[in-house]
Protein backbone atom coordinates (compact mmCIF):
# COMPACT_ATOMS: atom_id res chain seq x y z
CA MET A 1 1.13 -22.51 -34.21
CA SER A 2 -2.26 -20.83 -34.63
CA ASP A 3 -2.75 -17.43 -36.28
CA ARG A 4 -3.43 -16.00 -32.82
CA LEU A 5 0.11 -16.98 -31.81
CA ALA A 6 1.81 -15.91 -35.03
CA ALA A 7 4.17 -13.69 -33.01
CA LEU A 8 5.69 -16.87 -31.60
CA ASP A 9 6.30 -18.60 -34.93
CA ASP A 10 9.98 -17.67 -34.86
CA ASP A 11 12.38 -14.96 -33.69
CA ASP A 12 11.76 -12.64 -36.64
CA ALA A 13 8.01 -12.82 -36.11
CA PHE A 14 8.40 -11.89 -32.44
CA ASP A 15 10.75 -9.02 -33.24
CA ASP A 16 8.09 -7.50 -35.49
CA TYR A 17 6.06 -6.79 -32.34
CA LEU A 18 8.91 -4.89 -30.67
CA PRO A 19 9.98 -1.26 -31.02
CA ARG A 20 12.81 -0.78 -33.49
CA ASN A 21 15.37 0.01 -30.78
CA LEU A 22 14.71 -3.42 -29.21
CA GLN A 23 14.62 -5.33 -32.49
CA VAL A 24 18.24 -4.50 -33.28
CA LYS A 25 19.44 -5.99 -29.96
CA SER A 26 16.94 -8.82 -29.63
CA SER A 27 19.33 -11.59 -30.70
CA VAL A 28 21.74 -10.66 -27.89
CA HIS A 29 19.33 -10.05 -25.02
CA PHE A 30 16.22 -12.19 -25.54
CA THR A 31 15.81 -15.97 -25.47
CA PRO A 32 15.35 -17.58 -28.91
CA ILE A 33 11.91 -19.09 -29.48
CA ALA A 34 13.39 -22.56 -30.08
CA ILE A 35 15.22 -22.42 -26.75
CA ALA A 36 12.06 -21.37 -24.90
CA ARG A 37 10.07 -24.22 -26.42
CA HIS A 38 12.77 -26.71 -25.44
CA VAL A 39 13.16 -25.41 -21.90
CA ALA A 40 9.48 -25.00 -20.97
CA PRO A 41 8.62 -28.70 -20.50
CA LEU A 42 11.91 -29.29 -18.66
CA LEU A 43 10.97 -26.68 -16.08
CA ALA A 44 7.28 -27.59 -15.84
CA PRO A 45 6.88 -31.34 -16.47
CA LYS A 46 3.68 -31.50 -14.39
CA PRO A 47 0.47 -29.44 -14.64
CA GLY A 48 0.12 -26.59 -12.19
CA MET A 49 3.83 -25.84 -11.79
CA SER A 50 5.01 -22.23 -11.61
CA VAL A 51 8.19 -20.89 -13.20
CA LEU A 52 9.97 -17.58 -12.56
CA ASP A 53 11.96 -15.99 -15.37
CA VAL A 54 14.53 -13.66 -13.80
CA GLY A 55 15.06 -10.64 -16.06
CA ALA A 56 12.15 -11.26 -18.42
CA GLY A 57 12.68 -8.32 -20.77
CA PRO A 58 9.64 -7.94 -23.08
CA GLY A 59 8.42 -11.41 -22.11
CA LYS A 60 9.70 -13.53 -24.98
CA PHE A 61 10.62 -16.60 -22.93
CA CYS A 62 7.47 -16.59 -20.81
CA LEU A 63 5.17 -16.08 -23.77
CA ALA A 64 6.72 -18.85 -25.86
CA ALA A 65 6.89 -21.16 -22.83
CA ALA A 66 3.27 -20.44 -21.86
CA ALA A 67 2.12 -21.37 -25.36
CA GLN A 68 4.23 -24.53 -25.27
CA VAL A 69 3.04 -25.69 -21.82
CA PRO A 70 -0.43 -24.20 -21.24
CA GLY A 71 -0.91 -26.13 -18.00
CA ALA A 72 1.94 -24.27 -16.26
CA ARG A 73 2.27 -20.70 -15.01
CA PHE A 74 5.17 -18.60 -16.25
CA VAL A 75 5.98 -15.39 -14.40
CA GLY A 76 8.53 -12.90 -15.66
CA VAL A 77 10.07 -10.33 -13.35
CA GLU A 78 11.66 -7.30 -14.97
CA PHE A 79 13.08 -4.05 -13.55
CA ARG A 80 12.37 -1.93 -16.66
CA ARG A 81 8.74 -0.80 -16.54
CA HIS A 82 8.44 -0.16 -20.29
CA LEU A 83 9.48 -3.76 -21.04
CA VAL A 84 6.90 -5.08 -18.57
CA GLU A 85 4.20 -3.10 -20.36
CA ILE A 86 5.25 -4.57 -23.71
CA ALA A 87 5.13 -8.08 -22.24
CA ARG A 88 1.72 -7.57 -20.64
CA ASN A 89 0.28 -6.18 -23.85
CA LEU A 90 1.58 -9.14 -25.82
CA ALA A 91 0.18 -11.62 -23.27
CA ARG A 92 -3.26 -10.04 -23.71
CA ARG A 93 -2.94 -9.90 -27.48
CA LEU A 94 -1.84 -13.54 -27.70
CA GLN A 95 -4.45 -14.62 -25.13
CA LEU A 96 -1.94 -16.31 -22.85
CA PRO A 97 -3.36 -15.96 -19.32
CA ASN A 98 -0.67 -18.30 -17.95
CA ALA A 99 2.03 -15.73 -18.77
CA GLU A 100 2.30 -13.00 -16.13
CA PHE A 101 4.72 -10.13 -15.70
CA VAL A 102 5.84 -8.27 -12.60
CA HIS A 103 7.58 -4.91 -12.51
CA ALA A 104 10.07 -5.27 -9.65
CA ASN A 105 13.60 -5.95 -8.60
CA ALA A 106 13.81 -9.75 -8.71
CA PHE A 107 15.32 -9.81 -5.24
CA ASP A 108 12.34 -8.01 -3.75
CA LEU A 109 10.14 -10.97 -4.70
CA ASP A 110 9.46 -14.03 -2.56
CA TRP A 111 10.96 -16.89 -4.55
CA SER A 112 9.61 -19.61 -2.26
CA GLY A 113 6.35 -20.01 -4.15
CA TYR A 114 7.96 -21.11 -7.42
CA ASP A 115 8.73 -24.64 -8.55
CA ALA A 116 11.36 -23.67 -11.11
CA PHE A 117 13.54 -20.83 -12.36
CA TYR A 118 14.84 -19.77 -15.76
CA LEU A 119 18.09 -17.80 -16.06
CA TYR A 120 19.42 -16.51 -19.36
CA ASN A 121 22.58 -14.90 -17.98
CA PRO A 122 20.32 -12.11 -16.68
CA PHE A 123 23.05 -9.88 -15.25
CA ALA A 124 25.58 -9.98 -18.10
CA GLU A 125 24.54 -6.51 -19.20
CA GLN A 126 26.37 -5.18 -16.14
CA LEU A 127 29.60 -6.26 -17.85
CA TYR A 128 28.80 -5.26 -21.44
CA GLY A 129 29.44 -1.55 -21.33
CA ASN A 130 27.63 0.86 -23.65
CA ALA A 131 28.18 -1.09 -26.87
CA LEU A 132 25.74 -3.89 -26.03
CA ARG A 133 23.57 -2.39 -23.30
CA LEU A 134 19.87 -2.71 -24.01
CA ASP A 135 19.00 0.90 -23.19
CA GLN A 136 19.78 3.68 -20.71
CA ALA A 137 17.06 2.74 -18.22
CA ILE A 138 19.36 1.20 -15.61
CA ASP A 139 22.80 2.01 -14.28
CA LEU A 140 25.53 -0.50 -15.08
CA ASP A 141 28.24 -1.47 -12.61
CA PRO A 142 30.46 -4.57 -12.92
CA ALA A 143 30.46 -4.88 -9.13
CA SER A 144 26.69 -5.41 -9.26
CA TYR A 145 27.21 -8.52 -11.37
CA VAL A 146 28.91 -10.32 -8.48
CA THR A 147 26.28 -9.08 -6.02
CA TYR A 148 23.38 -10.32 -8.14
CA VAL A 149 24.92 -13.71 -8.93
CA SER A 150 25.58 -14.28 -5.23
CA ALA A 151 21.98 -13.31 -4.43
CA VAL A 152 20.65 -15.88 -6.94
CA ARG A 153 22.79 -18.61 -5.40
CA ARG A 154 21.47 -17.80 -1.91
CA ARG A 155 17.86 -17.97 -3.05
CA LEU A 156 18.41 -21.23 -4.91
CA ALA A 157 20.08 -22.67 -1.81
CA ASP A 158 16.96 -21.78 0.20
CA ALA A 159 14.56 -23.32 -2.36
CA ARG A 160 12.66 -26.48 -1.56
CA LEU A 161 13.73 -29.96 -2.65
CA GLY A 162 12.81 -30.74 -6.23
CA THR A 163 13.26 -27.15 -7.43
CA ARG A 164 14.28 -27.06 -11.08
CA VAL A 165 16.63 -24.50 -12.62
CA ALA A 166 17.33 -24.10 -16.33
CA THR A 167 20.14 -21.89 -17.59
CA TYR A 168 21.04 -20.74 -21.09
CA HIS A 169 24.49 -19.15 -21.25
CA GLY A 170 24.61 -19.79 -17.50
CA PHE A 171 23.88 -17.18 -14.88
CA GLY A 172 27.38 -16.18 -13.79
CA GLY A 173 28.14 -18.83 -11.20
CA PRO A 174 27.57 -22.49 -10.34
CA PRO A 175 24.34 -23.61 -8.67
CA PRO A 176 24.59 -24.50 -4.98
CA GLU A 177 26.03 -27.92 -4.13
CA SER A 178 22.54 -29.19 -3.28
CA TYR A 179 21.70 -29.25 -7.02
CA GLU A 180 22.50 -32.00 -9.52
CA ARG A 181 22.69 -31.47 -13.27
CA ALA A 182 19.97 -33.49 -14.99
CA ARG A 183 20.41 -32.25 -18.58
CA ASP A 184 23.16 -30.62 -20.62
CA ASP A 185 21.90 -29.96 -24.14
CA SER A 186 23.95 -28.22 -26.81
CA MET A 187 21.56 -25.87 -28.55
CA GLY A 188 21.52 -22.45 -30.15
CA SER A 189 24.66 -20.46 -29.37
CA ASP A 190 25.45 -22.27 -26.11
CA ARG A 191 24.10 -24.98 -23.80
CA ILE A 192 20.87 -25.52 -21.91
CA GLU A 193 21.57 -26.95 -18.47
CA LEU A 194 18.83 -28.30 -16.20
CA TRP A 195 19.59 -28.53 -12.49
CA ILE A 196 17.39 -30.14 -9.83
CA LYS A 197 17.70 -29.67 -6.09
CA THR A 198 18.17 -33.15 -4.66
CA ARG A 199 19.66 -32.42 -1.23
CA PRO A 200 18.68 -30.04 1.56
CA ARG A 201 20.82 -27.07 2.34
CA PRO A 202 23.53 -28.09 4.83
CA ALA A 203 22.83 -26.89 8.33
CA PRO A 204 25.23 -24.20 9.51
CA ARG A 205 28.01 -25.54 11.65
CA ALA A 206 27.64 -24.86 15.35
CA MET A 207 30.19 -22.51 16.76
CA ARG A 208 32.39 -24.05 19.38
CA PRO A 209 32.49 -22.07 22.63
CA ALA A 210 35.72 -20.23 23.05
CA SER A 211 38.15 -21.77 25.50
CA PRO A 212 38.75 -19.65 28.55
CA PRO A 213 42.03 -17.80 28.37
CA THR A 214 44.94 -19.41 30.14
CA ALA A 215 46.02 -17.43 33.14
CA ALA A 216 49.36 -15.77 32.73
CA PRO A 217 52.04 -17.08 35.10
CA GLU A 218 52.61 -14.93 38.09
CA VAL A 219 55.82 -13.02 38.04
CA ALA A 220 57.78 -13.33 41.25
């Protein structure tokens, strides 16, 4: 790794570029550099592919992946504005134009333009409680966890054939049935699973017309 990319040498080097309050929780919330390097070519095996990282935090996955696969575009969406600013500043500092960051709710984005998705259990914070929450910037509600996981599954079901999905520590639910697992690599503190959409979404079943009610017998 060049001097310009020294922040991506390893996890400690990256943490040095973060505020202290994020450094102490980095190992829980942010993708390890080694995982990002391993996942990047799985998600973008061809030049020109675009990858969406759902819940990008300060950009660690996208930055490491963009350095690993410079021919692909890595976009991180993050709800916390201050983390997006950190990520954008690092992308400029590291001169990684193929790493982009969007401040938004992930479900307000159009997912149809992406070839692949990365999910590092992005909604688990909803279940952590105060002990492991990243900061006070968002409200936590365990009920939201189920809502968000279901929303991911719907968007993956709508994705085009060939869509690739990589998970680390899962994302809270199984991928839709139209996906097949292509890789299952034990690495870091869990597993990296690669899923590829190989079948179209089943068409909704047609509703049968209701039978007309049977006339009640006349009473003499």
